[in-house]
Amino acid sequence: MTKGQRKENIEHWLLCLPALLKVLIFSYLPLIGLLMAFQFYIPRRGLFGSEWVGFQNFAYLFKSTIASRLIINAVVLNALGIVAGTVVSLIVGLVMFEVVNKVFVRASQTILIFPYFVSWPLVGVLVGSFLSERTGMLTNILYSIGGTRIDFYSEPGYWRAILTVTLVWKNSGLSAVMYYAFLIGVDKQLYEAAAIDGASKFRRMLHVSMPALNLMVVLGIIVSSANILRIDFNQVYFVTNNDPSLYKTTDVIETYMFRALRTEGDYSISTAVGLVQAAVGFVLTIVINYVSKKLSAQSLF
């Protein structure tokens, strides 16, 4: 290695230094805190002075009578979100790519991305304005049609669908724009060749655009599946108003641990649960990546 090459390498490392420090400080140093999962953590004694309790904290959640409910709700809500979000994002992205009017496309992109920046507390207010028993817009429409007023906030059966709709409304627009941006880079000669062969727009969408997006879709599913036990706390808490009558279908690990921390202040149990969620996510990432690689030759690694 010449002197010039060594100098160039040093410059590259210096450019990478801020990012490396950020990863070290915010991603690796906090891992020391995982020790709390195996302790009866007391803040005044500190991380290395608290009593070791082994796997007792891990047993706390799984011995709970509502453990199955929390896990089933998390898995079902995530699965619904992944399937519905992927389908809606794909359809919107593909349709947007086929639109010729660029002014319409730019306006659509702005409209689609906007919900992503709306906070969950505000989404909760919007949902309440639609579903409130007395003043809700949707409630009044259903009442005028069927003559029956539905109290959505006391009927847990509706809320898996409602949470899925809010998640799709908030996040799918951004994903659709990302799919659209990726399709712009696809070789136009593929579309021209398909058109010469007599393929309709739908056929070109099905046989050219969809295969081009396969990798992005697979990566999105793998990454989302890694968090199969994690739900956005803000979404569930604010959209449902944390109503106890809805816990049957909306209570998840995050909301349960929030209530436990608020009443008991036990940091060790929350750390143990977070470690379990991370371990499950890691295993699922490996498994789904392997299955995808075998079935479609598309994988994250």
C-alpha atoms as a PDB file:
ATOM      1  CA  MET A   1       0.000   0.000   0.000  1.00  0.00           C
ATOM      2  CA  THR A   2       1.463   3.334  -1.080  1.00  0.00           C
ATOM      3  CA  LYS A   3       1.627   6.445   1.054  1.00  0.00           C
ATOM      4  CA  GLY A   4      -1.125   8.039  -1.052  1.00  0.00           C
ATOM      5  CA  GLN A   5      -3.414   5.046  -0.543  1.00  0.00           C
ATOM      6  CA  ARG A   6      -2.858   5.110   3.216  1.00  0.00           C
ATOM      7  CA  LYS A   7      -3.684   8.808   3.276  1.00  0.00           C
ATOM      8  CA  GLU A   8      -6.841   8.201   1.251  1.00  0.00           C
ATOM      9  CA  ASN A   9      -7.923   5.412   3.618  1.00  0.00           C
ATOM     10  CA  ILE A  10      -7.417   7.691   6.625  1.00  0.00           C
ATOM     11  CA  GLU A  11      -9.582  10.345   4.986  1.00  0.00           C
ATOM     12  CA  HIS A  12     -12.312   7.759   4.337  1.00  0.00           C
ATOM     13  CA  TRP A  13     -12.205   6.589   7.952  1.00  0.00           C
ATOM     14  CA  LEU A  14     -12.435  10.174   9.178  1.00  0.00           C
ATOM     15  CA  LEU A  15     -15.526  10.673   7.006  1.00  0.00           C
ATOM     16  CA  CYS A  16     -17.056   7.531   8.521  1.00  0.00           C
ATOM     17  CA  LEU A  17     -16.103   8.491  12.081  1.00  0.00           C
ATOM     18  CA  PRO A  18     -19.280  10.493  12.963  1.00  0.00           C
ATOM     19  CA  ALA A  19     -21.533   7.655  11.771  1.00  0.00           C
ATOM     20  CA  LEU A  20     -19.448   5.054  13.613  1.00  0.00           C
ATOM     21  CA  LEU A  21     -19.564   7.083  16.828  1.00  0.00           C
ATOM     22  CA  LYS A  22     -23.336   7.481  16.468  1.00  0.00           C
ATOM     23  CA  VAL A  23     -23.802   3.717  16.072  1.00  0.00           C
ATOM     24  CA  LEU A  24     -21.465   3.007  18.987  1.00  0.00           C
ATOM     25  CA  ILE A  25     -23.133   5.469  21.367  1.00  0.00           C
ATOM     26  CA  PHE A  26     -26.784   4.863  20.484  1.00  0.00           C
ATOM     27  CA  SER A  27     -26.787   1.211  19.323  1.00  0.00           C
ATOM     28  CA  TYR A  28     -24.045  -0.674  21.168  1.00  0.00           C
ATOM     29  CA  LEU A  29     -23.447   1.054  24.496  1.00  0.00           C
ATOM     30  CA  PRO A  30     -27.154   0.779  25.474  1.00  0.00           C
ATOM     31  CA  LEU A  31     -26.827  -3.022  25.196  1.00  0.00           C
ATOM     32  CA  ILE A  32     -25.214  -2.933  28.641  1.00  0.00           C
ATOM     33  CA  GLY A  33     -28.673  -2.066  29.954  1.00  0.00           C
ATOM     34  CA  LEU A  34     -29.872  -5.568  28.998  1.00  0.00           C
ATOM     35  CA  LEU A  35     -28.348  -6.693  32.303  1.00  0.00           C
ATOM     36  CA  MET A  36     -31.503  -5.306  33.935  1.00  0.00           C
ATOM     37  CA  ALA A  37     -33.478  -8.141  32.364  1.00  0.00           C
ATOM     38  CA  PHE A  38     -31.702 -10.556  34.719  1.00  0.00           C
ATOM     39  CA  GLN A  39     -31.841  -8.357  37.826  1.00  0.00           C
ATOM     40  CA  PHE A  40     -34.257  -6.951  40.336  1.00  0.00           C
ATOM     41  CA  TYR A  41     -33.172  -3.491  39.274  1.00  0.00           C
ATOM     42  CA  ILE A  42     -33.198  -0.727  41.861  1.00  0.00           C
ATOM     43  CA  PRO A  43     -32.115   2.677  40.497  1.00  0.00           C
ATOM     44  CA  ARG A  44     -30.299   3.802  43.653  1.00  0.00           C
ATOM     45  CA  ARG A  45     -28.168   0.639  43.612  1.00  0.00           C
ATOM     46  CA  GLY A  46     -27.340   0.995  39.956  1.00  0.00           C
ATOM     47  CA  LEU A  47     -26.820  -1.533  37.209  1.00  0.00           C
ATOM     48  CA  PHE A  48     -23.992  -3.405  38.913  1.00  0.00           C
ATOM     49  CA  GLY A  49     -25.338  -3.252  42.454  1.00  0.00           C
ATOM     50  CA  SER A  50     -28.819  -4.680  41.917  1.00  0.00           C
ATOM     51  CA  GLU A  51     -29.708  -8.245  42.871  1.00  0.00           C
ATOM     52  CA  TRP A  52     -29.478 -10.959  40.204  1.00  0.00           C
ATOM     53  CA  VAL A  53     -32.689 -12.966  39.737  1.00  0.00           C
ATOM     54  CA  GLY A  54     -31.909 -15.029  36.649  1.00  0.00           C
ATOM     55  CA  PHE A  55     -34.906 -15.648  34.395  1.00  0.00           C
ATOM     56  CA  GLN A  56     -37.611 -14.619  36.864  1.00  0.00           C
ATOM     57  CA  ASN A  57     -38.390 -11.457  34.920  1.00  0.00           C
ATOM     58  CA  PHE A  58     -38.927 -13.440  31.735  1.00  0.00           C
ATOM     59  CA  ALA A  59     -41.408 -15.692  33.501  1.00  0.00           C
ATOM     60  CA  TYR A  60     -43.462 -12.717  34.689  1.00  0.00           C
ATOM     61  CA  LEU A  61     -45.109 -12.033  31.337  1.00  0.00           C
ATOM     62  CA  PHE A  62     -45.571 -15.636  30.237  1.00  0.00           C
ATOM     63  CA  LYS A  63     -47.081 -16.710  33.563  1.00  0.00           C
ATOM     64  CA  SER A  64     -49.599 -13.913  33.304  1.00  0.00           C
ATOM     65  CA  THR A  65     -53.157 -14.984  32.558  1.00  0.00           C
ATOM     66  CA  ILE A  66     -53.336 -12.537  29.645  1.00  0.00           C
ATOM     67  CA  ALA A  67     -50.018 -13.495  27.996  1.00  0.00           C
ATOM     68  CA  SER A  68     -51.733 -15.384  25.157  1.00  0.00           C
ATOM     69  CA  ARG A  69     -54.044 -12.432  24.482  1.00  0.00           C
ATOM     70  CA  LEU A  70     -51.139  -9.990  24.255  1.00  0.00           C
ATOM     71  CA  ILE A  71     -49.145 -12.182  21.886  1.00  0.00           C
ATOM     72  CA  ILE A  72     -52.122 -13.085  19.659  1.00  0.00           C
ATOM     73  CA  ASN A  73     -53.181  -9.440  19.371  1.00  0.00           C
ATOM     74  CA  ALA A  74     -49.647  -8.362  18.453  1.00  0.00           C
ATOM     75  CA  VAL A  75     -49.220 -11.077  15.819  1.00  0.00           C
ATOM     76  CA  VAL A  76     -52.678 -10.565  14.278  1.00  0.00           C
ATOM     77  CA  LEU A  77     -52.401  -6.767  14.144  1.00  0.00           C
ATOM     78  CA  ASN A  78     -48.923  -6.944  12.618  1.00  0.00           C
ATOM     79  CA  ALA A  79     -49.938  -9.593  10.084  1.00  0.00           C
ATOM     80  CA  LEU A  80     -52.963  -7.554   9.012  1.00  0.00           C
ATOM     81  CA  GLY A  81     -50.820  -4.437   8.750  1.00  0.00           C
ATOM     82  CA  ILE A  82     -48.134  -6.162   6.669  1.00  0.00           C
ATOM     83  CA  VAL A  83     -50.583  -7.781   4.225  1.00  0.00           C
ATOM     84  CA  ALA A  84     -52.912  -4.791   3.830  1.00  0.00           C
ATOM     85  CA  GLY A  85     -50.087  -2.257   3.746  1.00  0.00           C
ATOM     86  CA  THR A  86     -48.116  -4.183   1.103  1.00  0.00           C
ATOM     87  CA  VAL A  87     -51.144  -4.739  -1.140  1.00  0.00           C
ATOM     88  CA  VAL A  88     -52.351  -1.122  -0.962  1.00  0.00           C
ATOM     89  CA  SER A  89     -48.856   0.321  -1.444  1.00  0.00           C
ATOM     90  CA  LEU A  90     -48.216  -1.894  -4.465  1.00  0.00           C
ATOM     91  CA  ILE A  91     -51.506  -1.057  -6.140  1.00  0.00           C
ATOM     92  CA  VAL A  92     -51.142   2.687  -5.572  1.00  0.00           C
ATOM     93  CA  GLY A  93     -47.490   2.694  -6.677  1.00  0.00           C
ATOM     94  CA  LEU A  94     -48.229   0.717  -9.848  1.00  0.00           C
ATOM     95  CA  VAL A  95     -51.230   2.871 -10.780  1.00  0.00           C
ATOM     96  CA  MET A  96     -49.284   6.073 -10.140  1.00  0.00           C
ATOM     97  CA  PHE A  97     -46.506   4.840 -12.445  1.00  0.00           C
ATOM     98  CA  GLU A  98     -49.006   4.325 -15.259  1.00  0.00           C
ATOM     99  CA  VAL A  99     -50.384   7.886 -14.998  1.00  0.00           C
ATOM    100  CA  VAL A 100     -49.042  10.107 -17.778  1.00  0.00           C
ATOM    101  CA  ASN A 101     -49.983  13.501 -16.306  1.00  0.00           C
ATOM    102  CA  LYS A 102     -46.899  14.509 -14.298  1.00  0.00           C
ATOM    103  CA  VAL A 103     -48.671  17.380 -12.540  1.00  0.00           C
ATOM    104  CA  PHE A 104     -51.224  14.928 -11.191  1.00  0.00           C
ATOM    105  CA  VAL A 105     -48.438  12.555 -10.108  1.00  0.00           C
ATOM    106  CA  ARG A 106     -46.604  15.293  -8.170  1.00  0.00           C
ATOM    107  CA  ALA A 107     -49.784  16.391  -6.459  1.00  0.00           C
ATOM    108  CA  SER A 108     -50.613  12.765  -5.640  1.00  0.00           C
ATOM    109  CA  GLN A 109     -47.192  12.213  -4.106  1.00  0.00           C
ATOM    110  CA  THR A 110     -47.663  15.174  -1.774  1.00  0.00           C
ATOM    111  CA  ILE A 111     -51.136  14.014  -0.761  1.00  0.00           C
ATOM    112  CA  LEU A 112     -49.977  10.428  -0.202  1.00  0.00           C
ATOM    113  CA  ILE A 113     -46.927  11.330   1.890  1.00  0.00           C
ATOM    114  CA  PHE A 114     -48.742  13.880   4.092  1.00  0.00           C
ATOM    115  CA  PRO A 115     -50.444  11.322   6.436  1.00  0.00           C
ATOM    116  CA  TYR A 116     -47.034   9.914   7.371  1.00  0.00           C
ATOM    117  CA  PHE A 117     -46.230  13.165   9.180  1.00  0.00           C
ATOM    118  CA  VAL A 118     -49.511  13.282  11.097  1.00  0.00           C
ATOM    119  CA  SER A 119     -48.947  12.318  14.742  1.00  0.00           C
ATOM    120  CA  TRP A 120     -50.841   9.409  16.284  1.00  0.00           C
ATOM    121  CA  PRO A 121     -52.537  11.615  18.903  1.00  0.00           C
ATOM    122  CA  LEU A 122     -54.022  13.664  16.068  1.00  0.00           C
ATOM    123  CA  VAL A 123     -55.020  10.472  14.245  1.00  0.00           C
ATOM    124  CA  GLY A 124     -56.781   9.404  17.443  1.00  0.00           C
ATOM    125  CA  VAL A 125     -58.746  12.659  17.454  1.00  0.00           C
ATOM    126  CA  LEU A 126     -59.693  12.178  13.787  1.00  0.00           C
ATOM    127  CA  VAL A 127     -60.826   8.600  14.438  1.00  0.00           C
ATOM    128  CA  GLY A 128     -62.895   9.815  17.385  1.00  0.00           C
ATOM    129  CA  SER A 129     -64.590  12.391  15.171  1.00  0.00           C
ATOM    130  CA  PHE A 130     -65.706   9.554  12.891  1.00  0.00           C
ATOM    131  CA  LEU A 131     -66.576   6.926  15.491  1.00  0.00           C
ATOM    132  CA  SER A 132     -67.937   8.838  18.476  1.00  0.00           C
ATOM    133  CA  GLU A 133     -71.259   7.325  19.519  1.00  0.00           C
ATOM    134  CA  ARG A 134     -73.221  10.603  19.412  1.00  0.00           C
ATOM    135  CA  THR A 135     -71.282  13.000  17.191  1.00  0.00           C
ATOM    136  CA  GLY A 136     -69.240  10.665  14.974  1.00  0.00           C
ATOM    137  CA  MET A 137     -69.694  11.200  11.237  1.00  0.00           C
ATOM    138  CA  LEU A 138     -69.575   7.490  10.371  1.00  0.00           C
ATOM    139  CA  THR A 139     -71.756   6.596  13.349  1.00  0.00           C
ATOM    140  CA  ASN A 140     -74.461   9.047  12.238  1.00  0.00           C
ATOM    141  CA  ILE A 141     -74.325   7.791   8.638  1.00  0.00           C
ATOM    142  CA  LEU A 142     -74.753   4.184   9.781  1.00  0.00           C
ATOM    143  CA  TYR A 143     -77.564   5.284  12.083  1.00  0.00           C
ATOM    144  CA  SER A 144     -79.389   7.018   9.226  1.00  0.00           C
ATOM    145  CA  ILE A 145     -79.068   3.884   7.088  1.00  0.00           C
ATOM    146  CA  GLY A 146     -79.810   1.134   9.594  1.00  0.00           C
ATOM    147  CA  GLY A 147     -81.511   2.921  12.463  1.00  0.00           C
ATOM    148  CA  THR A 148     -79.005   1.521  14.968  1.00  0.00           C
ATOM    149  CA  ARG A 149     -76.337   3.574  16.680  1.00  0.00           C
ATOM    150  CA  ILE A 150     -73.077   1.649  17.127  1.00  0.00           C
ATOM    151  CA  ASP A 151     -70.865   2.394  20.098  1.00  0.00           C
ATOM    152  CA  PHE A 152     -67.505   1.539  18.545  1.00  0.00           C
ATOM    153  CA  TYR A 153     -65.615   2.302  21.756  1.00  0.00           C
ATOM    154  CA  SER A 154     -67.357  -0.515  23.590  1.00  0.00           C
ATOM    155  CA  GLU A 155     -67.205  -3.102  20.778  1.00  0.00           C
ATOM    156  CA  PRO A 156     -63.697  -4.663  20.577  1.00  0.00           C
ATOM    157  CA  GLY A 157     -64.581  -6.707  17.501  1.00  0.00           C
ATOM    158  CA  TYR A 158     -64.247  -3.716  15.169  1.00  0.00           C
ATOM    159  CA  TRP A 159     -60.851  -2.508  16.313  1.00  0.00           C
ATOM    160  CA  ARG A 160     -58.433  -4.814  14.582  1.00  0.00           C
ATOM    161  CA  ALA A 161     -59.872  -3.580  11.286  1.00  0.00           C
ATOM    162  CA  ILE A 162     -59.880   0.047  12.477  1.00  0.00           C
ATOM    163  CA  LEU A 163     -56.244  -0.098  13.616  1.00  0.00           C
ATOM    164  CA  THR A 164     -55.260  -1.708  10.319  1.00  0.00           C
ATOM    165  CA  VAL A 165     -57.032   1.002   8.322  1.00  0.00           C
ATOM    166  CA  THR A 166     -55.346   3.784  10.288  1.00  0.00           C
ATOM    167  CA  LEU A 167     -51.932   2.146   9.829  1.00  0.00           C
ATOM    168  CA  VAL A 168     -52.460   1.740   6.081  1.00  0.00           C
ATOM    169  CA  TRP A 169     -53.738   5.314   5.754  1.00  0.00           C
ATOM    170  CA  LYS A 170     -50.737   6.696   7.600  1.00  0.00           C
ATOM    171  CA  ASN A 171     -47.871   4.649   6.133  1.00  0.00           C
ATOM    172  CA  SER A 172     -48.859   3.166   2.782  1.00  0.00           C
ATOM    173  CA  GLY A 173     -48.622   6.434   0.872  1.00  0.00           C
ATOM    174  CA  LEU A 174     -44.916   6.769   1.611  1.00  0.00           C
ATOM    175  CA  SER A 175     -44.303   3.143   0.591  1.00  0.00           C
ATOM    176  CA  ALA A 176     -46.263   3.687  -2.626  1.00  0.00           C
ATOM    177  CA  VAL A 177     -44.118   6.695  -3.526  1.00  0.00           C
ATOM    178  CA  MET A 178     -40.998   4.613  -2.869  1.00  0.00           C
ATOM    179  CA  TYR A 179     -42.284   1.896  -5.224  1.00  0.00           C
ATOM    180  CA  TYR A 180     -43.040   4.559  -7.824  1.00  0.00           C
ATOM    181  CA  ALA A 181     -39.532   6.018  -7.498  1.00  0.00           C
ATOM    182  CA  PHE A 182     -38.018   2.568  -7.967  1.00  0.00           C
ATOM    183  CA  LEU A 183     -40.109   1.902 -11.085  1.00  0.00           C
ATOM    184  CA  ILE A 184     -38.839   5.114 -12.672  1.00  0.00           C
ATOM    185  CA  GLY A 185     -35.396   3.524 -12.815  1.00  0.00           C
ATOM    186  CA  VAL A 186     -36.574   0.385 -14.619  1.00  0.00           C
ATOM    187  CA  ASP A 187     -35.286   0.078 -18.198  1.00  0.00           C
ATOM    188  CA  LYS A 188     -37.940   1.613 -20.485  1.00  0.00           C
ATOM    189  CA  GLN A 189     -36.975  -0.782 -23.269  1.00  0.00           C
ATOM    190  CA  LEU A 190     -38.634  -3.590 -21.311  1.00  0.00           C
ATOM    191  CA  TYR A 191     -41.962  -1.756 -21.477  1.00  0.00           C
ATOM    192  CA  GLU A 192     -41.457  -0.912 -25.144  1.00  0.00           C
ATOM    193  CA  ALA A 193     -40.691  -4.535 -25.998  1.00  0.00           C
ATOM    194  CA  ALA A 194     -43.762  -5.704 -24.086  1.00  0.00           C
ATOM    195  CA  ALA A 195     -45.933  -3.127 -25.911  1.00  0.00           C
ATOM    196  CA  ILE A 196     -44.570  -4.264 -29.290  1.00  0.00           C
ATOM    197  CA  ASP A 197     -45.491  -7.838 -28.356  1.00  0.00           C
ATOM    198  CA  GLY A 198     -49.060  -6.650 -27.802  1.00  0.00           C
ATOM    199  CA  ALA A 199     -49.096  -6.554 -24.005  1.00  0.00           C
ATOM    200  CA  SER A 200     -51.757  -4.285 -22.524  1.00  0.00           C
ATOM    201  CA  LYS A 201     -51.012  -1.851 -19.688  1.00  0.00           C
ATOM    202  CA  PHE A 202     -52.235  -4.411 -17.202  1.00  0.00           C
ATOM    203  CA  ARG A 203     -49.985  -7.086 -18.702  1.00  0.00           C
ATOM    204  CA  ARG A 204     -46.987  -4.740 -18.643  1.00  0.00           C
ATOM    205  CA  MET A 205     -47.782  -3.954 -15.025  1.00  0.00           C
ATOM    206  CA  LEU A 206     -48.040  -7.646 -14.198  1.00  0.00           C
ATOM    207  CA  HIS A 207     -45.030  -8.965 -16.102  1.00  0.00           C
ATOM    208  CA  VAL A 208     -42.591  -6.040 -16.050  1.00  0.00           C
ATOM    209  CA  SER A 209     -43.348  -3.751 -13.107  1.00  0.00           C
ATOM    210  CA  MET A 210     -44.227  -6.435 -10.558  1.00  0.00           C
ATOM    211  CA  PRO A 211     -41.062  -8.537 -11.105  1.00  0.00           C
ATOM    212  CA  ALA A 212     -38.999  -5.346 -10.821  1.00  0.00           C
ATOM    213  CA  LEU A 213     -40.534  -4.676  -7.396  1.00  0.00           C
ATOM    214  CA  ASN A 214     -40.145  -8.228  -6.083  1.00  0.00           C
ATOM    215  CA  LEU A 215     -36.961  -7.513  -4.151  1.00  0.00           C
ATOM    216  CA  MET A 216     -38.364  -4.377  -2.508  1.00  0.00           C
ATOM    217  CA  VAL A 217     -41.535  -6.199  -1.486  1.00  0.00           C
ATOM    218  CA  VAL A 218     -39.591  -9.141  -0.038  1.00  0.00           C
ATOM    219  CA  LEU A 219     -37.247  -6.851   1.886  1.00  0.00           C
ATOM    220  CA  GLY A 220     -40.204  -4.896   3.255  1.00  0.00           C
ATOM    221  CA  ILE A 221     -41.928  -8.081   4.439  1.00  0.00           C
ATOM    222  CA  ILE A 222     -38.743  -9.417   6.057  1.00  0.00           C
ATOM    223  CA  VAL A 223     -38.067  -6.177   7.908  1.00  0.00           C
ATOM    224  CA  SER A 224     -41.694  -5.866   9.029  1.00  0.00           C
ATOM    225  CA  SER A 225     -41.839  -9.486  10.165  1.00  0.00           C
ATOM    226  CA  ALA A 226     -38.837  -8.908  12.402  1.00  0.00           C
ATOM    227  CA  ASN A 227     -41.118  -6.747  14.556  1.00  0.00           C
ATOM    228  CA  ILE A 228     -44.020  -9.196  14.621  1.00  0.00           C
ATOM    229  CA  LEU A 229     -44.356  -8.848  18.408  1.00  0.00           C
ATOM    230  CA  ARG A 230     -43.875  -5.083  18.421  1.00  0.00           C
ATOM    231  CA  ILE A 231     -46.708  -2.644  17.906  1.00  0.00           C
ATOM    232  CA  ASP A 232     -46.423   1.123  17.762  1.00  0.00           C
ATOM    233  CA  PHE A 233     -47.500   2.050  21.290  1.00  0.00           C
ATOM    234  CA  ASN A 234     -48.678   5.496  20.204  1.00  0.00           C
ATOM    235  CA  GLN A 235     -50.996   4.040  17.586  1.00  0.00           C
ATOM    236  CA  VAL A 236     -52.766   1.608  19.919  1.00  0.00           C
ATOM    237  CA  TYR A 237     -52.823   3.941  22.914  1.00  0.00           C
ATOM    238  CA  PHE A 238     -54.124   7.067  21.210  1.00  0.00           C
ATOM    239  CA  VAL A 239     -56.373   5.602  18.509  1.00  0.00           C
ATOM    240  CA  THR A 240     -58.237   3.410  21.018  1.00  0.00           C
ATOM    241  CA  ASN A 241     -58.077   6.078  23.766  1.00  0.00           C
ATOM    242  CA  ASN A 242     -56.668   3.262  25.932  1.00  0.00           C
ATOM    243  CA  ASP A 243     -60.251   2.150  26.577  1.00  0.00           C
ATOM    244  CA  PRO A 244     -60.284  -0.964  28.822  1.00  0.00           C
ATOM    245  CA  SER A 245     -63.381  -2.319  27.083  1.00  0.00           C
ATOM    246  CA  LEU A 246     -61.303  -2.779  23.914  1.00  0.00           C
ATOM    247  CA  TYR A 247     -58.419  -4.710  25.502  1.00  0.00           C
ATOM    248  CA  LYS A 248     -59.729  -8.028  24.175  1.00  0.00           C
ATOM    249  CA  THR A 249     -58.534  -7.221  20.645  1.00  0.00           C
ATOM    250  CA  THR A 250     -56.222  -4.223  21.117  1.00  0.00           C
ATOM    251  CA  ASP A 251     -54.167  -4.896  24.242  1.00  0.00           C
ATOM    252  CA  VAL A 252     -50.568  -5.649  23.263  1.00  0.00           C
ATOM    253  CA  ILE A 253     -47.283  -6.070  25.092  1.00  0.00           C
ATOM    254  CA  GLU A 254     -46.424  -2.369  24.862  1.00  0.00           C
ATOM    255  CA  THR A 255     -49.679  -1.144  26.378  1.00  0.00           C
ATOM    256  CA  TYR A 256     -49.648  -3.837  29.066  1.00  0.00           C
ATOM    257  CA  MET A 257     -46.075  -2.985  30.077  1.00  0.00           C
ATOM    258  CA  PHE A 258     -46.927   0.723  30.099  1.00  0.00           C
ATOM    259  CA  ARG A 259     -49.664   0.065  32.621  1.00  0.00           C
ATOM    260  CA  ALA A 260     -47.349  -2.173  34.648  1.00  0.00           C
ATOM    261  CA  LEU A 261     -44.567   0.427  34.684  1.00  0.00           C
ATOM    262  CA  ARG A 262     -46.971   3.199  35.594  1.00  0.00           C
ATOM    263  CA  THR A 263     -48.275   1.285  38.601  1.00  0.00           C
ATOM    264  CA  GLU A 264     -45.201  -0.723  39.665  1.00  0.00           C
ATOM    265  CA  GLY A 265     -42.229   1.076  38.085  1.00  0.00           C
ATOM    266  CA  ASP A 266     -40.448  -2.223  37.341  1.00  0.00           C
ATOM    267  CA  TYR A 267     -37.725  -1.523  34.768  1.00  0.00           C
ATOM    268  CA  SER A 268     -36.393  -5.096  34.847  1.00  0.00           C
ATOM    269  CA  ILE A 269     -39.574  -6.669  33.509  1.00  0.00           C
ATOM    270  CA  SER A 270     -39.892  -4.177  30.663  1.00  0.00           C
ATOM    271  CA  THR A 271     -36.253  -4.825  29.701  1.00  0.00           C
ATOM    272  CA  ALA A 272     -36.841  -8.595  29.753  1.00  0.00           C
ATOM    273  CA  VAL A 273     -39.918  -8.268  27.540  1.00  0.00           C
ATOM    274  CA  GLY A 274     -38.010  -6.043  25.113  1.00  0.00           C
ATOM    275  CA  LEU A 275     -35.230  -8.628  24.929  1.00  0.00           C
ATOM    276  CA  VAL A 276     -37.754 -11.376  24.164  1.00  0.00           C
ATOM    277  CA  GLN A 277     -39.286  -9.266  21.396  1.00  0.00           C
ATOM    278  CA  ALA A 278     -35.848  -8.638  19.896  1.00  0.00           C
ATOM    279  CA  ALA A 279     -34.906 -12.336  20.063  1.00  0.00           C
ATOM    280  CA  VAL A 280     -38.159 -13.404  18.381  1.00  0.00           C
ATOM    281  CA  GLY A 281     -37.647 -10.748  15.712  1.00  0.00           C
ATOM    282  CA  PHE A 282     -34.097 -11.954  15.053  1.00  0.00           C
ATOM    283  CA  VAL A 283     -35.183 -15.581  14.668  1.00  0.00           C
ATOM    284  CA  LEU A 284     -38.088 -14.625  12.390  1.00  0.00           C
ATOM    285  CA  THR A 285     -35.792 -12.522  10.216  1.00  0.00           C
ATOM    286  CA  ILE A 286     -33.466 -15.490   9.694  1.00  0.00           C
ATOM    287  CA  VAL A 287     -36.327 -17.926   9.019  1.00  0.00           C
ATOM    288  CA  ILE A 288     -38.310 -15.684   6.633  1.00  0.00           C
ATOM    289  CA  ASN A 289     -35.141 -14.671   4.801  1.00  0.00           C
ATOM    290  CA  TYR A 290     -34.228 -18.363   4.336  1.00  0.00           C
ATOM    291  CA  VAL A 291     -37.729 -19.284   3.118  1.00  0.00           C
ATOM    292  CA  SER A 292     -37.811 -16.338   0.720  1.00  0.00           C
ATOM    293  CA  LYS A 293     -34.395 -17.250  -0.634  1.00  0.00           C
ATOM    294  CA  LYS A 294     -35.519 -20.814  -1.308  1.00  0.00           C
ATOM    295  CA  LEU A 295     -38.891 -19.933  -2.842  1.00  0.00           C
ATOM    296  CA  SER A 296     -38.163 -16.775  -4.835  1.00  0.00           C
ATOM    297  CA  ALA A 297     -34.359 -16.359  -4.855  1.00  0.00           C
ATOM    298  CA  GLN A 298     -34.936 -12.936  -3.262  1.00  0.00           C
ATOM    299  CA  SER A 299     -33.486 -12.303   0.170  1.00  0.00           C
ATOM    300  CA  LEU A 300     -32.076  -9.666   2.498  1.00  0.00           C
ATOM    301  CA  PHE A 301     -28.730 -11.475   2.885  1.00  0.00           C
END
